[in-house]
Amino acid sequence: MKPLQESRPRRYDIDALRVLAFSILILYHIGMLYVADWGFHIKSVTQYDWVKFPMLLVNQWRMPLLFLVSGVASSFLIGKFSAIAFVKSRSLRLLIPFITGVILIIPPQAYIQALANGSLFNSFGEMSYGSFLIHYFSFQDWPIGAFDGSEYGFTWNHLWFIPYLFAYTLLLVPVAMLLRISTLQARFERIGSVPLILAPVLIQVIWQLTLNDEKPISHALIDDGYAHAMYCTFFLLGYLISDNAAVWQKIISLRWVSLIGALICYCVLITLWFKFNQHEWQDHLAGVVATFNQWLWLLAVLAWSGKLLNRPRSWLEYANNCVYPWYILHQTITIIAAYFLAKLSLGGPLEFALVLVFTVVGCWAITEYLIRRQKHMKFLFGMK
């Protein structure tokens, strides 16, 4: 694929943010084992109410951050290659690892979940993993609630992010062409501090009022309008701000405003959710505050990373290249480790620490010794 233009300067803060965002995702999924009253594929016997508060701190902006960073990265790529070459590159880098993950990595999660809730027991005993795979890949019926996605016969679990990102990547091709012939990008360069804070919030409020009609986000790709509107907005916003030096400087200049504002919004939001939720108007107010909370945290993360992380570091290239396989692998390792450790009754803190160790060591060992050292495995797991 022949580049259309010279490469732009490397944005080390975006590489660092990508590593940070996926690290938060791994910790978040481990935390889901222990937070009370929140559904997950399996749960620890030991659960805590207080875990909700650090989880809620990152809950609203962790996935928008991933889509926004992906929009920035897509901007750099679409500027280098033709539309056809860009789509080909993204298809290989996204769809091949996705298919690999769905076929090889996700089924153990479904098996463990069905095993944990008793869906794989019958008069003949426990279904083996081999029998489960035969049943799974022949798309036979499952008991109701056997595992997340069992109503479809299979699941992509945490890999839902990839088909969503691929859809927005395809959409970006005509959108980028339209933006090149419009004045929107030029106007965006001159955006002031107040519009930079308010405009994304207003857009998300509109999505809430028009699309978030009590139907939860499904991650099923089809009939998930609110999720698409929210995530695609952040993806396109990442594309717009990608190499816009004036906007980045504006974001960095707002780093204290956004951080302090985010902390205030979080405290107000927690108060509204847990202390004042008796009236409908309080729910609407909480929705607006939540939207401010989401965007201010994103601004703060972007600002402080731009201020502190935009420089080369010895570990960054290695970590950035390993992010994709770690993302594909981590939740399966977490669920397997949690399932077997739960039988030892170790207690929450020790169990959490061991699940974290098994997840990190497992991701590192499989990536380092199985994936990185074989060319075809690197291709299957999206490594450069």
Protein backbone atom coordinates (compact mmCIF):
# COMPACT_ATOMS: atom_id res chain seq x y z
CA MET A 1 0.00 0.00 0.00
CA LYS A 2 1.59 3.20 -1.16
CA PRO A 3 1.25 6.19 1.18
CA LEU A 4 -0.59 9.23 -0.17
CA GLN A 5 1.29 11.69 2.02
CA GLU A 6 4.26 11.92 4.33
CA SER A 7 3.87 10.40 7.77
CA ARG A 8 2.81 12.78 10.51
CA PRO A 9 4.86 13.11 13.68
CA ARG A 10 4.29 10.22 16.09
CA ARG A 11 1.77 10.98 18.83
CA TYR A 12 3.28 9.13 21.77
CA ASP A 13 0.51 10.28 24.08
CA ILE A 14 -2.07 8.52 21.89
CA ASP A 15 -0.02 5.32 22.03
CA ALA A 16 0.20 5.67 25.80
CA LEU A 17 -3.53 6.39 26.05
CA ARG A 18 -4.30 3.24 24.08
CA VAL A 19 -2.25 1.17 26.53
CA LEU A 20 -3.85 2.99 29.48
CA ALA A 21 -7.39 2.52 28.16
CA PHE A 22 -6.99 -1.22 27.66
CA SER A 23 -5.28 -1.56 31.06
CA ILE A 24 -8.31 0.09 32.67
CA LEU A 25 -10.53 -2.30 30.72
CA ILE A 26 -8.70 -5.34 32.13
CA LEU A 27 -8.93 -4.02 35.71
CA TYR A 28 -12.58 -3.14 35.17
CA HIS A 29 -13.47 -6.64 34.02
CA ILE A 30 -11.71 -8.16 37.03
CA GLY A 31 -13.55 -5.70 39.27
CA MET A 32 -16.87 -6.89 37.81
CA LEU A 33 -16.35 -10.16 39.66
CA TYR A 34 -16.58 -8.40 43.01
CA VAL A 35 -19.06 -5.52 42.67
CA ALA A 36 -22.39 -6.29 44.28
CA ASP A 37 -25.64 -6.22 42.27
CA TRP A 38 -23.93 -5.86 38.88
CA GLY A 39 -24.34 -8.72 36.42
CA PHE A 40 -21.32 -10.41 34.88
CA HIS A 41 -20.53 -13.75 33.24
CA ILE A 42 -19.57 -15.20 36.61
CA LYS A 43 -19.37 -13.62 40.06
CA SER A 44 -17.14 -14.16 43.05
CA VAL A 45 -18.71 -15.45 46.25
CA THR A 46 -17.19 -12.36 47.90
CA GLN A 47 -18.82 -9.13 46.71
CA TYR A 48 -18.69 -5.57 48.01
CA ASP A 49 -20.98 -2.55 47.70
CA TRP A 50 -18.12 -0.06 47.93
CA VAL A 51 -16.50 -1.43 44.74
CA LYS A 52 -19.25 0.37 42.80
CA PHE A 53 -17.65 3.73 43.47
CA PRO A 54 -14.24 3.20 41.80
CA MET A 55 -16.02 1.27 39.05
CA LEU A 56 -18.43 4.16 38.45
CA LEU A 57 -15.47 6.55 38.35
CA VAL A 58 -14.35 5.03 35.03
CA ASN A 59 -17.59 3.38 33.92
CA GLN A 60 -18.87 6.21 31.74
CA TRP A 61 -15.74 7.17 29.86
CA ARG A 62 -13.60 4.02 29.52
CA MET A 63 -15.27 2.80 26.27
CA PRO A 64 -15.75 6.29 24.75
CA LEU A 65 -12.01 6.78 25.34
CA LEU A 66 -11.23 3.66 23.32
CA PHE A 67 -13.42 4.80 20.44
CA LEU A 68 -12.00 8.32 20.56
CA VAL A 69 -8.40 7.05 20.51
CA SER A 70 -9.36 4.71 17.65
CA GLY A 71 -10.72 7.72 15.76
CA VAL A 72 -7.41 9.53 16.22
CA ALA A 73 -5.47 6.49 14.99
CA SER A 74 -7.82 6.07 12.00
CA SER A 75 -7.19 9.68 11.03
CA PHE A 76 -3.47 9.05 10.76
CA LEU A 77 -4.05 5.93 8.65
CA ILE A 78 -6.69 7.33 6.30
CA GLY A 79 -4.37 10.25 5.58
CA LYS A 80 -1.60 7.88 4.50
CA PHE A 81 -3.46 5.54 2.15
CA SER A 82 -6.14 5.52 -0.51
CA ALA A 83 -9.71 4.68 0.53
CA ILE A 84 -9.45 1.13 -0.84
CA ALA A 85 -6.08 0.52 0.80
CA PHE A 86 -7.37 1.95 4.08
CA VAL A 87 -10.42 -0.35 4.12
CA LYS A 88 -8.26 -3.35 3.21
CA SER A 89 -5.78 -2.55 5.97
CA ARG A 90 -8.51 -2.07 8.59
CA SER A 91 -10.35 -5.21 7.48
CA LEU A 92 -7.27 -7.37 7.93
CA ARG A 93 -6.27 -5.74 11.22
CA LEU A 94 -9.76 -5.87 12.78
CA LEU A 95 -11.72 -8.76 11.29
CA ILE A 96 -9.04 -11.49 11.30
CA PRO A 97 -8.29 -11.10 15.05
CA PHE A 98 -12.03 -10.82 15.72
CA ILE A 99 -12.75 -14.11 13.96
CA THR A 100 -9.78 -15.72 15.72
CA GLY A 101 -11.05 -14.52 19.08
CA VAL A 102 -14.65 -15.61 18.50
CA ILE A 103 -13.60 -19.11 17.41
CA LEU A 104 -10.69 -19.82 19.78
CA ILE A 105 -10.79 -17.49 22.78
CA ILE A 106 -14.45 -16.74 23.59
CA PRO A 107 -15.93 -20.29 23.83
CA PRO A 108 -14.19 -21.10 27.16
CA GLN A 109 -15.94 -18.06 28.68
CA ALA A 110 -19.34 -19.38 27.61
CA TYR A 111 -18.46 -22.87 28.88
CA ILE A 112 -17.35 -21.63 32.30
CA GLN A 113 -20.44 -19.40 32.64
CA ALA A 114 -22.79 -22.25 31.74
CA LEU A 115 -20.87 -24.55 34.07
CA ALA A 116 -21.08 -22.06 36.93
CA ASN A 117 -24.85 -21.57 36.65
CA GLY A 118 -25.60 -25.27 36.28
CA SER A 119 -26.75 -25.22 32.66
CA LEU A 120 -24.41 -28.04 31.60
CA PHE A 121 -25.60 -30.67 34.05
CA ASN A 122 -28.10 -33.37 33.12
CA SER A 123 -28.87 -36.95 34.09
CA PHE A 124 -25.61 -38.05 32.48
CA GLY A 125 -23.49 -35.62 34.48
CA GLU A 126 -21.45 -32.60 33.43
CA MET A 127 -20.98 -31.81 29.75
CA SER A 128 -17.31 -31.94 28.74
CA TYR A 129 -15.68 -29.01 26.97
CA GLY A 130 -15.35 -31.08 23.78
CA SER A 131 -19.07 -31.88 23.79
CA PHE A 132 -19.81 -28.23 24.54
CA LEU A 133 -17.80 -27.12 21.48
CA ILE A 134 -19.64 -29.55 19.20
CA HIS A 135 -22.96 -28.24 20.53
CA TYR A 136 -21.73 -24.62 20.38
CA PHE A 137 -20.45 -24.62 16.79
CA SER A 138 -23.47 -26.50 15.47
CA PHE A 139 -25.64 -23.63 16.80
CA GLN A 140 -27.96 -25.89 18.78
CA ASP A 141 -30.38 -24.59 21.38
CA TRP A 142 -29.22 -23.93 24.92
CA PRO A 143 -31.11 -23.75 28.22
CA ILE A 144 -32.45 -20.25 28.82
CA GLY A 145 -29.72 -18.05 30.27
CA ALA A 146 -26.98 -20.65 29.82
CA PHE A 147 -24.49 -17.93 28.95
CA ASP A 148 -24.57 -14.38 27.63
CA GLY A 149 -25.68 -14.67 24.01
CA SER A 150 -26.98 -18.24 24.36
CA GLU A 151 -30.27 -17.16 22.77
CA TYR A 152 -28.26 -16.73 19.53
CA GLY A 153 -26.36 -19.99 20.04
CA PHE A 154 -22.97 -18.29 20.39
CA THR A 155 -21.43 -15.10 21.76
CA TRP A 156 -18.66 -12.58 21.10
CA ASN A 157 -18.67 -11.27 24.69
CA HIS A 158 -16.07 -8.51 25.22
CA LEU A 159 -15.03 -8.57 21.54
CA TRP A 160 -18.17 -6.60 20.62
CA PHE A 161 -15.88 -3.54 20.45
CA ILE A 162 -14.26 -4.79 17.24
CA PRO A 163 -17.33 -5.07 14.93
CA TYR A 164 -18.55 -1.71 16.23
CA LEU A 165 -15.17 -0.15 15.48
CA PHE A 166 -15.09 -1.77 12.04
CA ALA A 167 -18.53 -0.34 11.21
CA TYR A 168 -17.40 3.17 12.17
CA THR A 169 -14.19 2.70 10.21
CA LEU A 170 -16.20 1.98 7.05
CA LEU A 171 -18.39 5.00 7.76
CA LEU A 172 -15.30 7.17 8.12
CA VAL A 173 -14.34 6.78 4.45
CA PRO A 174 -17.26 8.83 3.01
CA VAL A 175 -17.34 11.11 6.07
CA ALA A 176 -13.67 11.98 5.61
CA MET A 177 -14.30 12.82 1.96
CA LEU A 178 -17.19 15.11 2.91
CA LEU A 179 -15.13 16.82 5.61
CA ARG A 180 -12.32 17.55 3.13
CA ILE A 181 -14.68 19.55 0.92
CA SER A 182 -16.53 21.22 3.80
CA THR A 183 -15.50 24.03 6.14
CA LEU A 184 -16.23 22.08 9.32
CA GLN A 185 -12.63 21.10 10.03
CA ALA A 186 -11.44 24.68 9.51
CA ARG A 187 -14.14 25.94 11.87
CA PHE A 188 -13.28 23.25 14.40
CA GLU A 189 -9.71 24.56 14.57
CA ARG A 190 -11.03 27.87 15.90
CA ILE A 191 -13.32 26.36 18.52
CA GLY A 192 -13.32 28.20 21.86
CA SER A 193 -13.04 26.71 25.34
CA VAL A 194 -16.75 26.96 26.16
CA PRO A 195 -17.97 25.30 22.91
CA LEU A 196 -15.28 22.63 23.34
CA ILE A 197 -16.79 21.72 26.71
CA LEU A 198 -20.47 22.20 25.85
CA ALA A 199 -20.87 20.97 22.25
CA PRO A 200 -20.04 17.26 22.84
CA VAL A 201 -22.24 17.30 25.96
CA LEU A 202 -25.15 18.77 24.00
CA ILE A 203 -24.80 16.11 21.30
CA GLN A 204 -24.83 13.32 23.88
CA VAL A 205 -27.86 14.83 25.64
CA ILE A 206 -29.69 14.80 22.30
CA TRP A 207 -28.84 11.10 21.88
CA GLN A 208 -30.10 10.42 25.39
CA LEU A 209 -33.41 12.18 24.82
CA THR A 210 -34.09 10.68 21.39
CA LEU A 211 -32.56 7.19 21.50
CA ASN A 212 -32.04 6.05 25.08
CA ASP A 213 -35.61 4.86 25.60
CA GLU A 214 -35.18 2.57 28.61
CA LYS A 215 -33.69 -0.13 26.35
CA PRO A 216 -30.24 -1.07 27.65
CA ILE A 217 -27.18 -1.10 25.43
CA SER A 218 -27.03 -4.63 24.01
CA HIS A 219 -23.64 -4.79 22.22
CA ALA A 220 -25.42 -6.94 19.63
CA LEU A 221 -24.51 -4.57 16.73
CA ILE A 222 -28.09 -4.69 15.37
CA ASP A 223 -30.82 -2.61 17.04
CA ASP A 224 -28.38 -0.82 19.34
CA GLY A 225 -29.04 2.74 18.19
CA TYR A 226 -28.10 4.65 21.32
CA ALA A 227 -24.78 2.83 21.67
CA HIS A 228 -23.94 3.50 18.01
CA ALA A 229 -24.85 7.19 18.30
CA MET A 230 -22.73 7.64 21.42
CA TYR A 231 -19.69 5.60 20.41
CA CYS A 232 -19.62 6.77 16.79
CA THR A 233 -19.77 10.39 17.95
CA PHE A 234 -16.64 9.91 20.04
CA PHE A 235 -14.94 8.02 17.20
CA LEU A 236 -15.61 10.87 14.77
CA LEU A 237 -14.59 13.41 17.39
CA GLY A 238 -11.25 11.60 17.69
CA TYR A 239 -10.89 11.86 13.92
CA LEU A 240 -11.58 15.61 14.05
CA ILE A 241 -9.07 16.41 16.80
CA SER A 242 -6.41 13.94 15.60
CA ASP A 243 -3.61 16.22 14.38
CA ASN A 244 -5.29 19.55 15.04
CA ALA A 245 -2.55 21.30 17.02
CA ALA A 246 -4.75 24.27 17.97
CA VAL A 247 -7.47 22.06 19.45
CA TRP A 248 -4.95 19.90 21.31
CA GLN A 249 -3.36 23.01 22.79
CA LYS A 250 -6.80 24.20 23.86
CA ILE A 251 -7.50 20.82 25.49
CA ILE A 252 -4.19 20.89 27.35
CA SER A 253 -4.80 24.45 28.52
CA LEU A 254 -8.08 23.25 30.08
CA ARG A 255 -6.44 20.40 32.01
CA TRP A 256 -7.11 21.83 35.49
CA VAL A 257 -10.60 23.03 34.59
CA SER A 258 -11.57 19.65 33.16
CA LEU A 259 -10.04 17.68 36.05
CA ILE A 260 -11.65 19.75 38.79
CA GLY A 261 -14.94 19.85 36.89
CA ALA A 262 -14.84 16.05 36.44
CA LEU A 263 -14.26 15.46 40.15
CA ILE A 264 -17.15 17.78 41.05
CA CYS A 265 -19.46 16.13 38.50
CA TYR A 266 -18.58 12.68 39.82
CA CYS A 267 -19.43 13.68 43.40
CA VAL A 268 -22.70 15.31 42.33
CA LEU A 269 -23.60 12.31 40.18
CA ILE A 270 -22.98 9.81 42.98
CA THR A 271 -25.14 11.94 45.29
CA LEU A 272 -27.97 12.08 42.76
CA TRP A 273 -27.82 8.36 42.06
CA PHE A 274 -27.61 7.13 45.64
CA LYS A 275 -29.31 9.85 47.70
CA PHE A 276 -31.84 11.68 45.53
CA ASN A 277 -33.46 9.38 43.01
CA GLN A 278 -37.13 9.53 44.04
CA HIS A 279 -38.42 11.85 41.30
CA GLU A 280 -38.32 11.78 37.50
CA TRP A 281 -36.75 15.24 37.26
CA GLN A 282 -33.88 14.01 39.42
CA ASP A 283 -33.29 11.19 36.94
CA HIS A 284 -33.18 13.71 34.07
CA LEU A 285 -30.80 15.93 36.03
CA ALA A 286 -28.58 12.94 36.79
CA GLY A 287 -28.53 12.14 33.05
CA VAL A 288 -27.28 15.63 32.19
CA VAL A 289 -24.69 15.57 34.99
CA ALA A 290 -23.57 12.12 33.84
CA THR A 291 -22.99 13.46 30.33
CA PHE A 292 -20.90 16.34 31.68
CA ASN A 293 -19.05 13.85 33.89
CA GLN A 294 -18.30 11.64 30.88
CA TRP A 295 -16.91 14.41 28.67
CA LEU A 296 -14.99 16.24 31.40
CA TRP A 297 -13.19 13.06 32.38
CA LEU A 298 -12.34 12.42 28.72
CA LEU A 299 -11.06 15.97 28.37
CA ALA A 300 -9.00 15.60 31.54
CA VAL A 301 -7.47 12.30 30.39
CA LEU A 302 -6.67 13.72 26.94
CA ALA A 303 -5.25 16.92 28.43
CA TRP A 304 -2.98 15.34 31.01
CA SER A 305 -1.76 12.67 28.61
CA GLY A 306 -0.96 15.37 26.06
CA LYS A 307 0.89 17.32 28.74
CA LEU A 308 2.82 14.44 30.33
CA LEU A 309 2.99 11.49 27.94
CA ASN A 310 3.78 12.87 24.48
CA ARG A 311 7.38 11.71 24.45
CA PRO A 312 9.10 8.44 23.47
CA ARG A 313 9.50 5.83 26.18
CA SER A 314 11.42 2.57 26.04
CA TRP A 315 8.41 0.37 26.88
CA LEU A 316 5.79 2.11 24.79
CA GLU A 317 6.29 0.50 21.38
CA TYR A 318 6.35 -2.99 22.89
CA ALA A 319 3.27 -2.36 25.05
CA ASN A 320 1.33 -0.72 22.22
CA ASN A 321 1.98 -3.68 19.94
CA CYS A 322 0.85 -6.16 22.61
CA VAL A 323 -2.40 -4.35 23.44
CA TYR A 324 -4.51 -6.13 20.83
CA PRO A 325 -3.70 -9.75 21.81
CA TRP A 326 -3.98 -8.83 25.50
CA TYR A 327 -7.42 -7.38 24.83
CA ILE A 328 -8.53 -10.55 23.03
CA LEU A 329 -7.10 -12.90 25.66
CA HIS A 330 -7.66 -11.19 29.00
CA GLN A 331 -11.31 -11.84 29.84
CA THR A 332 -11.12 -15.57 29.11
CA ILE A 333 -8.09 -15.92 31.38
CA THR A 334 -9.82 -13.82 34.06
CA ILE A 335 -12.99 -15.94 34.03
CA ILE A 336 -11.12 -19.26 34.07
CA ALA A 337 -8.88 -18.11 36.92
CA ALA A 338 -11.79 -16.71 38.93
CA TYR A 339 -13.86 -19.87 38.50
CA PHE A 340 -11.20 -22.20 39.88
CA LEU A 341 -9.88 -19.81 42.55
CA ALA A 342 -13.42 -19.34 43.90
CA LYS A 343 -13.38 -23.00 44.97
CA LEU A 344 -10.50 -22.26 47.38
CA SER A 345 -12.48 -19.69 49.45
CA LEU A 346 -9.49 -17.35 49.71
CA GLY A 347 -11.47 -14.20 50.44
CA GLY A 348 -11.92 -11.12 48.26
CA PRO A 349 -8.56 -9.29 48.47
CA LEU A 350 -6.35 -12.36 47.99
CA GLU A 351 -8.59 -13.79 45.30
CA PHE A 352 -8.62 -10.46 43.43
CA ALA A 353 -4.82 -10.25 43.60
CA LEU A 354 -4.41 -13.79 42.28
CA VAL A 355 -6.95 -13.28 39.47
CA LEU A 356 -5.04 -10.14 38.47
CA VAL A 357 -1.69 -11.98 38.56
CA PHE A 358 -3.02 -14.92 36.54
CA THR A 359 -4.59 -12.55 34.00
CA VAL A 360 -1.46 -10.43 33.52
CA VAL A 361 0.98 -13.34 33.52
CA GLY A 362 -1.29 -15.38 31.24
CA CYS A 363 -1.66 -12.55 28.72
CA TRP A 364 2.07 -11.85 28.79
CA ALA A 365 3.15 -15.49 28.47
CA ILE A 366 0.76 -16.36 25.63
CA THR A 367 1.59 -13.15 23.76
CA GLU A 368 5.34 -13.38 24.29
CA TYR A 369 5.93 -17.10 23.74
CA LEU A 370 3.09 -18.19 21.46
CA ILE A 371 1.95 -15.18 19.43
CA ARG A 372 4.96 -12.84 18.98
CA ARG A 373 7.32 -15.60 17.89
CA GLN A 374 5.23 -16.98 15.03
CA LYS A 375 4.38 -14.90 11.99
CA HIS A 376 0.99 -16.49 11.35
CA MET A 377 -0.02 -16.09 14.99
CA LYS A 378 0.93 -12.40 14.91
CA PHE A 379 -1.31 -12.02 11.87
CA LEU A 380 -4.20 -13.86 13.54
CA PHE A 381 -4.00 -11.67 16.66
CA GLY A 382 -3.51 -8.34 14.88
CA MET A 383 0.12 -7.68 15.82
CA LYS A 384 2.37 -5.69 13.55
